[in-house]
Amino acid sequence: MHVSIRPIGNSRGIVIPKPLLTQLGLVDQADLTVEDGALVIRKPASPARAGWADAAKALALQQDDALLLGDFGNEGDEDLQW
C-alpha cells in the first residue's frame, strides 16, 4: 500500500487506513521501531505483571491461593523480635 507523507505542524506523518489498524488490533497507541531500514509498527507490549492483581483476587475468591510449598522460615528467624 502506498501512502503520502503529509505535513502535520512542524512534523510529518502518514494516515494509517482503518482496515490496517483493525487488522493489527491497534486502537490508541503503537510501538514504532526502525529495523533494517524499515519503519515497523507493532501493538504495544503489555506492561509487566499486567492482570496479576485481578488474577490474585480471582484465586482468593475461589479459595485457591494456598501456599504451594507451605510456610517455612529462614535460619535465624527464631532470634528475630517482632
Protein backbone atom coordinates (compact mmCIF):
# COMPACT_ATOMS: atom_id res chain seq x y z
CA MET A 1 0.00 0.00 0.00
CA HIS A 2 1.33 3.39 -0.95
CA VAL A 3 0.69 6.35 1.42
CA SER A 4 1.65 10.00 1.29
CA ILE A 5 3.79 11.67 3.92
CA ARG A 6 1.96 14.83 4.96
CA PRO A 7 2.93 17.89 6.97
CA ILE A 8 1.46 17.87 10.49
CA GLY A 9 2.50 21.06 12.30
CA ASN A 10 6.31 21.09 12.44
CA SER A 11 6.41 17.32 11.80
CA ARG A 12 5.43 14.96 9.02
CA GLY A 13 3.12 11.98 9.24
CA ILE A 14 1.11 9.33 7.49
CA VAL A 15 -2.52 8.31 7.81
CA ILE A 16 -2.94 4.61 8.53
CA PRO A 17 -6.14 3.26 6.97
CA LYS A 18 -8.70 1.93 9.46
CA PRO A 19 -8.73 -1.62 8.00
CA LEU A 20 -4.98 -1.92 8.71
CA LEU A 21 -5.43 -0.62 12.26
CA THR A 22 -8.23 -3.12 12.82
CA GLN A 23 -6.18 -5.98 11.35
CA LEU A 24 -3.32 -5.16 13.73
CA GLY A 25 -5.58 -4.55 16.73
CA LEU A 26 -4.25 -1.00 17.17
CA VAL A 27 -6.54 1.47 18.94
CA ASP A 28 -4.82 4.40 20.68
CA GLN A 29 -1.11 3.55 20.84
CA ALA A 30 1.58 1.72 18.88
CA ASP A 31 5.28 0.92 19.22
CA LEU A 32 7.45 2.27 16.39
CA THR A 33 10.92 0.96 15.59
CA VAL A 34 13.30 1.08 12.67
CA GLU A 35 14.55 -2.36 11.63
CA ASP A 36 16.87 -2.86 8.65
CA GLY A 37 15.84 0.49 7.17
CA ALA A 38 12.10 -0.17 7.56
CA LEU A 39 9.62 1.56 9.86
CA VAL A 40 7.89 -1.15 11.90
CA ILE A 41 4.60 -0.53 13.74
CA ARG A 42 3.55 -3.03 16.42
CA LYS A 43 0.95 -3.35 19.14
CA PRO A 44 2.41 -2.06 22.41
CA ALA A 45 3.69 -4.78 24.69
CA SER A 46 1.59 -5.42 27.75
CA PRO A 47 3.08 -3.93 30.91
CA ALA A 48 4.95 -6.39 33.09
CA ARG A 49 2.62 -8.15 35.52
CA ALA A 50 -0.48 -6.80 33.78
CA GLY A 51 -3.53 -8.56 35.13
CA TRP A 52 -1.73 -10.17 38.07
CA ALA A 53 -3.77 -8.29 40.69
CA ASP A 54 -7.07 -9.36 39.13
CA ALA A 55 -5.86 -12.96 38.82
CA ALA A 56 -4.81 -12.99 42.51
CA LYS A 57 -8.21 -11.65 43.56
CA ALA A 58 -9.96 -14.33 41.49
CA LEU A 59 -7.83 -17.05 43.13
CA ALA A 60 -8.60 -15.67 46.58
CA LEU A 61 -12.34 -15.65 45.84
CA GLN A 62 -12.08 -19.30 44.77
CA GLN A 63 -10.05 -20.02 47.93
CA ASP A 64 -7.33 -21.41 45.66
CA ASP A 65 -4.49 -19.22 46.95
CA ALA A 66 -2.81 -21.59 49.42
CA LEU A 67 0.99 -21.63 49.58
CA LEU A 68 2.41 -24.32 47.30
CA LEU A 69 5.45 -25.04 49.46
CA GLY A 70 3.82 -24.44 52.82
CA ASP A 71 5.03 -21.98 55.42
CA PHE A 72 8.73 -22.19 56.19
CA GLY A 73 11.21 -19.86 57.79
CA ASN A 74 14.83 -18.97 57.35
CA GLU A 75 17.76 -19.86 59.52
CA GLY A 76 17.95 -17.39 62.39
CA ASP A 77 14.27 -16.41 62.25
CA GLU A 78 13.75 -17.59 65.82
CA ASP A 79 16.16 -14.87 67.02
CA LEU A 80 14.10 -12.06 65.45
CA GLN A 81 11.84 -9.92 67.63
CA TRP A 82 8.58 -8.77 66.05
